[in-house]
Amino acid sequence: MVPHHNASPQTLKEVRIRLLQEDLSFAAYCREKGYTRQNLAAALSGKWKGQKAQQLVCEVLSDLGIAA
């Protein structure tokens, strides 16, 4: 079972801020990791709520060191 993190527009904003701190755009991060930008944005903002989305959110937050 994938741990559940609360995805919300705030989560997406936090990810974008962390990426900017690392001098990386959201689109560049997605390309680097092989994610579709639109899907990752939907998952992080809570618009996409399935198990795959939850897994994606967990992976990205963990990769960026953002506490859930």
PDB file of N, CA and C in Angstrom:
ATOM      1  N   MET A   1       0.843  -1.188   0.000  1.00  0.00           N
ATOM      2  CA  MET A   1       0.000   0.000   0.000  1.00  0.00           C
ATOM      3  C   MET A   1       0.881   1.242   0.000  1.00  0.00           C
ATOM      4  N   VAL A   2       0.497   2.212  -0.762  1.00  0.00           N
ATOM      5  CA  VAL A   2       1.241   3.472  -0.881  1.00  0.00           C
ATOM      6  C   VAL A   2       0.780   4.415   0.222  1.00  0.00           C
ATOM      7  N   PRO A   3       1.722   5.015   0.971  1.00  0.00           N
ATOM      8  CA  PRO A   3       1.290   5.988   1.978  1.00  0.00           C
ATOM      9  C   PRO A   3       0.591   7.153   1.301  1.00  0.00           C
ATOM     10  N   HIS A   4      -0.402   7.706   1.963  1.00  0.00           N
ATOM     11  CA  HIS A   4      -1.187   8.778   1.370  1.00  0.00           C
ATOM     12  C   HIS A   4      -0.659  10.132   1.831  1.00  0.00           C
ATOM     13  N   HIS A   5      -0.410  10.984   0.882  1.00  0.00           N
ATOM     14  CA  HIS A   5      -0.009  12.358   1.164  1.00  0.00           C
ATOM     15  C   HIS A   5      -1.112  13.259   0.647  1.00  0.00           C
ATOM     16  N   ASN A   6      -1.380  14.321   1.344  1.00  0.00           N
ATOM     17  CA  ASN A   6      -2.434  15.236   0.923  1.00  0.00           C
ATOM     18  C   ASN A   6      -1.932  16.108  -0.219  1.00  0.00           C
ATOM     19  N   ALA A   7      -2.389  15.775  -1.416  1.00  0.00           N
ATOM     20  CA  ALA A   7      -2.064  16.585  -2.585  1.00  0.00           C
ATOM     21  C   ALA A   7      -3.051  17.745  -2.633  1.00  0.00           C
ATOM     22  N   SER A   8      -2.534  18.918  -2.949  1.00  0.00           N
ATOM     23  CA  SER A   8      -3.374  20.106  -3.002  1.00  0.00           C
ATOM     24  C   SER A   8      -2.649  21.157  -3.840  1.00  0.00           C
ATOM     25  N   PRO A   9      -3.339  22.219  -4.207  1.00  0.00           N
ATOM     26  CA  PRO A   9      -2.632  23.291  -4.916  1.00  0.00           C
ATOM     27  C   PRO A   9      -1.412  23.790  -4.131  1.00  0.00           C
ATOM     28  N   GLN A  10      -1.485  23.759  -2.810  1.00  0.00           N
ATOM     29  CA  GLN A  10      -0.354  24.169  -1.972  1.00  0.00           C
ATOM     30  C   GLN A  10       0.830  23.211  -2.150  1.00  0.00           C
ATOM     31  N   THR A  11       0.554  21.921  -2.294  1.00  0.00           N
ATOM     32  CA  THR A  11       1.619  20.940  -2.510  1.00  0.00           C
ATOM     33  C   THR A  11       2.346  21.238  -3.813  1.00  0.00           C
ATOM     34  N   LEU A  12       1.593  21.514  -4.856  1.00  0.00           N
ATOM     35  CA  LEU A  12       2.190  21.862  -6.145  1.00  0.00           C
ATOM     36  C   LEU A  12       3.049  23.115  -6.011  1.00  0.00           C
ATOM     37  N   LYS A  13       2.556  24.096  -5.285  1.00  0.00           N
ATOM     38  CA  LYS A  13       3.307  25.336  -5.077  1.00  0.00           C
ATOM     39  C   LYS A  13       4.612  25.059  -4.319  1.00  0.00           C
ATOM     40  N   GLU A  14       4.554  24.224  -3.292  1.00  0.00           N
ATOM     41  CA  GLU A  14       5.752  23.880  -2.518  1.00  0.00           C
ATOM     42  C   GLU A  14       6.792  23.186  -3.387  1.00  0.00           C
ATOM     43  N   VAL A  15       6.335  22.286  -4.258  1.00  0.00           N
ATOM     44  CA  VAL A  15       7.250  21.579  -5.159  1.00  0.00           C
ATOM     45  C   VAL A  15       7.901  22.574  -6.115  1.00  0.00           C
ATOM     46  N   ARG A  16       7.107  23.458  -6.688  1.00  0.00           N
ATOM     47  CA  ARG A  16       7.661  24.453  -7.619  1.00  0.00           C
ATOM     48  C   ARG A  16       8.688  25.355  -6.916  1.00  0.00           C
ATOM     49  N   ILE A  17       8.404  25.756  -5.683  1.00  0.00           N
ATOM     50  CA  ILE A  17       9.336  26.588  -4.923  1.00  0.00           C
ATOM     51  C   ILE A  17      10.638  25.836  -4.670  1.00  0.00           C
ATOM     52  N   ARG A  18      10.532  24.582  -4.259  1.00  0.00           N
ATOM     53  CA  ARG A  18      11.740  23.773  -3.997  1.00  0.00           C
ATOM     54  C   ARG A  18      12.572  23.622  -5.267  1.00  0.00           C
ATOM     55  N   LEU A  19      11.897  23.401  -6.393  1.00  0.00           N
ATOM     56  CA  LEU A  19      12.627  23.261  -7.645  1.00  0.00           C
ATOM     57  C   LEU A  19      13.331  24.566  -8.022  1.00  0.00           C
ATOM     58  N   LEU A  20      12.665  25.687  -7.822  1.00  0.00           N
ATOM     59  CA  LEU A  20      13.289  26.977  -8.123  1.00  0.00           C
ATOM     60  C   LEU A  20      14.499  27.218  -7.232  1.00  0.00           C
ATOM     61  N   GLN A  21      14.423  26.772  -5.975  1.00  0.00           N
ATOM     62  CA  GLN A  21      15.559  26.892  -5.061  1.00  0.00           C
ATOM     63  C   GLN A  21      16.746  26.083  -5.570  1.00  0.00           C
ATOM     64  N   GLU A  22      16.454  25.010  -6.301  1.00  0.00           N
ATOM     65  CA  GLU A  22      17.501  24.168  -6.873  1.00  0.00           C
ATOM     66  C   GLU A  22      17.831  24.593  -8.304  1.00  0.00           C
ATOM     67  N   ASP A  23      17.323  25.769  -8.704  1.00  0.00           N
ATOM     68  CA  ASP A  23      17.559  26.334 -10.037  1.00  0.00           C
ATOM     69  C   ASP A  23      17.096  25.393 -11.148  1.00  0.00           C
ATOM     70  N   LEU A  24      15.909  24.820 -10.962  1.00  0.00           N
ATOM     71  CA  LEU A  24      15.337  23.881 -11.920  1.00  0.00           C
ATOM     72  C   LEU A  24      13.864  24.215 -12.102  1.00  0.00           C
ATOM     73  N   SER A  25      13.418  24.267 -13.336  1.00  0.00           N
ATOM     74  CA  SER A  25      12.000  24.528 -13.580  1.00  0.00           C
ATOM     75  C   SER A  25      11.191  23.248 -13.398  1.00  0.00           C
ATOM     76  N   PHE A  26       9.900  23.412 -13.217  1.00  0.00           N
ATOM     77  CA  PHE A  26       8.998  22.263 -13.076  1.00  0.00           C
ATOM     78  C   PHE A  26       9.054  21.413 -14.344  1.00  0.00           C
ATOM     79  N   ALA A  27       9.008  22.059 -15.498  1.00  0.00           N
ATOM     80  CA  ALA A  27       9.047  21.328 -16.774  1.00  0.00           C
ATOM     81  C   ALA A  27      10.367  20.574 -16.940  1.00  0.00           C
ATOM     82  N   ALA A  28      11.470  21.207 -16.573  1.00  0.00           N
ATOM     83  CA  ALA A  28      12.782  20.557 -16.683  1.00  0.00           C
ATOM     84  C   ALA A  28      12.871  19.355 -15.747  1.00  0.00           C
ATOM     85  N   TYR A  29      12.343  19.488 -14.536  1.00  0.00           N
ATOM     86  CA  TYR A  29      12.328  18.372 -13.590  1.00  0.00           C
ATOM     87  C   TYR A  29      11.533  17.206 -14.163  1.00  0.00           C
ATOM     88  N   CYS A  30      10.380  17.502 -14.736  1.00  0.00           N
ATOM     89  CA  CYS A  30       9.547  16.456 -15.327  1.00  0.00           C
ATOM     90  C   CYS A  30      10.275  15.742 -16.460  1.00  0.00           C
ATOM     91  N   ARG A  31      10.924  16.506 -17.319  1.00  0.00           N
ATOM     92  CA  ARG A  31      11.685  15.901 -18.425  1.00  0.00           C
ATOM     93  C   ARG A  31      12.804  15.023 -17.883  1.00  0.00           C
ATOM     94  N   GLU A  32      13.510  15.531 -16.874  1.00  0.00           N
ATOM     95  CA  GLU A  32      14.638  14.809 -16.286  1.00  0.00           C
ATOM     96  C   GLU A  32      14.203  13.476 -15.675  1.00  0.00           C
ATOM     97  N   LYS A  33      13.036  13.476 -15.040  1.00  0.00           N
ATOM     98  CA  LYS A  33      12.548  12.282 -14.347  1.00  0.00           C
ATOM     99  C   LYS A  33      11.655  11.400 -15.218  1.00  0.00           C
ATOM    100  N   GLY A  34      11.284  11.905 -16.404  1.00  0.00           N
ATOM    101  CA  GLY A  34      10.443  11.115 -17.299  1.00  0.00           C
ATOM    102  C   GLY A  34       8.961  11.197 -16.988  1.00  0.00           C
ATOM    103  N   TYR A  35       8.537  12.248 -16.285  1.00  0.00           N
ATOM    104  CA  TYR A  35       7.126  12.439 -15.962  1.00  0.00           C
ATOM    105  C   TYR A  35       6.471  13.327 -17.019  1.00  0.00           C
ATOM    106  N   THR A  36       5.191  13.128 -17.236  1.00  0.00           N
ATOM    107  CA  THR A  36       4.424  14.047 -18.059  1.00  0.00           C
ATOM    108  C   THR A  36       4.059  15.232 -17.172  1.00  0.00           C
ATOM    109  N   ARG A  37       4.416  16.435 -17.625  1.00  0.00           N
ATOM    110  CA  ARG A  37       4.218  17.639 -16.808  1.00  0.00           C
ATOM    111  C   ARG A  37       2.770  17.800 -16.367  1.00  0.00           C
ATOM    112  N   GLN A  38       1.840  17.597 -17.285  1.00  0.00           N
ATOM    113  CA  GLN A  38       0.428  17.776 -16.962  1.00  0.00           C
ATOM    114  C   GLN A  38      -0.045  16.751 -15.925  1.00  0.00           C
ATOM    115  N   ASN A  39       0.416  15.505 -16.057  1.00  0.00           N
ATOM    116  CA  ASN A  39       0.013  14.473 -15.098  1.00  0.00           C
ATOM    117  C   ASN A  39       0.587  14.739 -13.712  1.00  0.00           C
ATOM    118  N   LEU A  40       1.847  15.153 -13.666  1.00  0.00           N
ATOM    119  CA  LEU A  40       2.450  15.430 -12.366  1.00  0.00           C
ATOM    120  C   LEU A  40       1.773  16.624 -11.701  1.00  0.00           C
ATOM    121  N   ALA A  41       1.478  17.657 -12.466  1.00  0.00           N
ATOM    122  CA  ALA A  41       0.785  18.821 -11.906  1.00  0.00           C
ATOM    123  C   ALA A  41      -0.591  18.423 -11.387  1.00  0.00           C
ATOM    124  N   ALA A  42      -1.312  17.590 -12.124  1.00  0.00           N
ATOM    125  CA  ALA A  42      -2.637  17.145 -11.686  1.00  0.00           C
ATOM    126  C   ALA A  42      -2.545  16.304 -10.416  1.00  0.00           C
ATOM    127  N   ALA A  43      -1.530  15.446 -10.334  1.00  0.00           N
ATOM    128  CA  ALA A  43      -1.360  14.611  -9.141  1.00  0.00           C
ATOM    129  C   ALA A  43      -1.007  15.456  -7.924  1.00  0.00           C
ATOM    130  N   LEU A  44      -0.058  16.375  -8.085  1.00  0.00           N
ATOM    131  CA  LEU A  44       0.384  17.195  -6.957  1.00  0.00           C
ATOM    132  C   LEU A  44      -0.694  18.162  -6.485  1.00  0.00           C
ATOM    133  N   SER A  45      -1.531  18.627  -7.395  1.00  0.00           N
ATOM    134  CA  SER A  45      -2.568  19.593  -7.021  1.00  0.00           C
ATOM    135  C   SER A  45      -3.829  18.927  -6.482  1.00  0.00           C
ATOM    136  N   GLY A  46      -3.894  17.598  -6.563  1.00  0.00           N
ATOM    137  CA  GLY A  46      -5.050  16.879  -6.035  1.00  0.00           C
ATOM    138  C   GLY A  46      -6.165  16.680  -7.040  1.00  0.00           C
ATOM    139  N   LYS A  47      -5.956  17.073  -8.283  1.00  0.00           N
ATOM    140  CA  LYS A  47      -6.987  16.875  -9.312  1.00  0.00           C
ATOM    141  C   LYS A  47      -7.020  15.426  -9.785  1.00  0.00           C
ATOM    142  N   TRP A  48      -5.916  14.759  -9.673  1.00  0.00           N
ATOM    143  CA  TRP A  48      -5.787  13.355 -10.044  1.00  0.00           C
ATOM    144  C   TRP A  48      -5.566  12.592  -8.739  1.00  0.00           C
ATOM    145  N   LYS A  49      -6.505  11.730  -8.352  1.00  0.00           N
ATOM    146  CA  LYS A  49      -6.499  11.171  -6.999  1.00  0.00           C
ATOM    147  C   LYS A  49      -6.294   9.663  -6.913  1.00  0.00           C
ATOM    148  N   GLY A  50      -6.056   8.999  -8.013  1.00  0.00           N
ATOM    149  CA  GLY A  50      -5.915   7.541  -8.010  1.00  0.00           C
ATOM    150  C   GLY A  50      -4.656   7.065  -7.310  1.00  0.00           C
ATOM    151  N   GLN A  51      -4.523   5.757  -7.238  1.00  0.00           N
ATOM    152  CA  GLN A  51      -3.379   5.149  -6.564  1.00  0.00           C
ATOM    153  C   GLN A  51      -2.068   5.529  -7.262  1.00  0.00           C
ATOM    154  N   LYS A  52      -2.089   5.557  -8.586  1.00  0.00           N
ATOM    155  CA  LYS A  52      -0.898   5.939  -9.334  1.00  0.00           C
ATOM    156  C   LYS A  52      -0.498   7.379  -9.016  1.00  0.00           C
ATOM    157  N   ALA A  53      -1.483   8.242  -8.878  1.00  0.00           N
ATOM    158  CA  ALA A  53      -1.213   9.642  -8.532  1.00  0.00           C
ATOM    159  C   ALA A  53      -0.601   9.735  -7.141  1.00  0.00           C
ATOM    160  N   GLN A  54      -1.143   8.995  -6.198  1.00  0.00           N
ATOM    161  CA  GLN A  54      -0.605   9.010  -4.838  1.00  0.00           C
ATOM    162  C   GLN A  54       0.840   8.525  -4.825  1.00  0.00           C
ATOM    163  N   GLN A  55       1.123   7.505  -5.617  1.00  0.00           N
ATOM    164  CA  GLN A  55       2.485   6.982  -5.704  1.00  0.00           C
ATOM    165  C   GLN A  55       3.424   8.041  -6.287  1.00  0.00           C
ATOM    166  N   LEU A  56       2.961   8.714  -7.313  1.00  0.00           N
ATOM    167  CA  LEU A  56       3.749   9.763  -7.947  1.00  0.00           C
ATOM    168  C   LEU A  56       4.045  10.896  -6.969  1.00  0.00           C
ATOM    169  N   VAL A  57       3.044  11.318  -6.222  1.00  0.00           N
ATOM    170  CA  VAL A  57       3.217  12.384  -5.227  1.00  0.00           C
ATOM    171  C   VAL A  57       4.257  11.953  -4.184  1.00  0.00           C
ATOM    172  N   CYS A  58       4.148  10.738  -3.700  1.00  0.00           N
ATOM    173  CA  CYS A  58       5.107  10.234  -2.708  1.00  0.00           C
ATOM    174  C   CYS A  58       6.522  10.233  -3.263  1.00  0.00           C
ATOM    175  N   GLU A  59       6.676   9.770  -4.500  1.00  0.00           N
ATOM    176  CA  GLU A  59       8.005   9.719  -5.121  1.00  0.00           C
ATOM    177  C   GLU A  59       8.614  11.116  -5.250  1.00  0.00           C
ATOM    178  N   VAL A  60       7.831  12.066  -5.712  1.00  0.00           N
ATOM    179  CA  VAL A  60       8.347  13.416  -5.942  1.00  0.00           C
ATOM    180  C   VAL A  60       8.672  14.102  -4.620  1.00  0.00           C
ATOM    181  N   LEU A  61       7.773  14.009  -3.648  1.00  0.00           N
ATOM    182  CA  LEU A  61       8.032  14.647  -2.355  1.00  0.00           C
ATOM    183  C   LEU A  61       9.271  14.052  -1.697  1.00  0.00           C
ATOM    184  N   SER A  62       9.437  12.752  -1.800  1.00  0.00           N
ATOM    185  CA  SER A  62      10.601  12.087  -1.236  1.00  0.00           C
ATOM    186  C   SER A  62      11.870  12.525  -1.970  1.00  0.00           C
ATOM    187  N   ASP A  63      11.796  12.567  -3.287  1.00  0.00           N
ATOM    188  CA  ASP A  63      12.947  12.953  -4.108  1.00  0.00           C
ATOM    189  C   ASP A  63      13.406  14.376  -3.777  1.00  0.00           C
ATOM    190  N   LEU A  64      12.461  15.257  -3.505  1.00  0.00           N
ATOM    191  CA  LEU A  64      12.791  16.656  -3.228  1.00  0.00           C
ATOM    192  C   LEU A  64      12.999  16.940  -1.738  1.00  0.00           C
ATOM    193  N   GLY A  65      12.788  15.933  -0.903  1.00  0.00           N
ATOM    194  CA  GLY A  65      12.996  16.121   0.534  1.00  0.00           C
ATOM    195  C   GLY A  65      11.927  16.975   1.196  1.00  0.00           C
ATOM    196  N   ILE A  66      10.720  16.924   0.658  1.00  0.00           N
ATOM    197  CA  ILE A  66       9.617  17.689   1.227  1.00  0.00           C
ATOM    198  C   ILE A  66       8.827  16.758   2.141  1.00  0.00           C
ATOM    199  N   ALA A  67       8.641  17.184   3.395  1.00  0.00           N
ATOM    200  CA  ALA A  67       7.880  16.378   4.349  1.00  0.00           C
ATOM    201  C   ALA A  67       6.414  16.358   3.947  1.00  0.00           C
ATOM    202  N   ALA A  68       5.809  15.215   4.086  1.00  0.00           N
ATOM    203  CA  ALA A  68       4.403  15.063   3.712  1.00  0.00           C
ATOM    204  C   ALA A  68       3.484  15.517   4.818  1.00  0.00           C
TER     205      ALA A  68
END
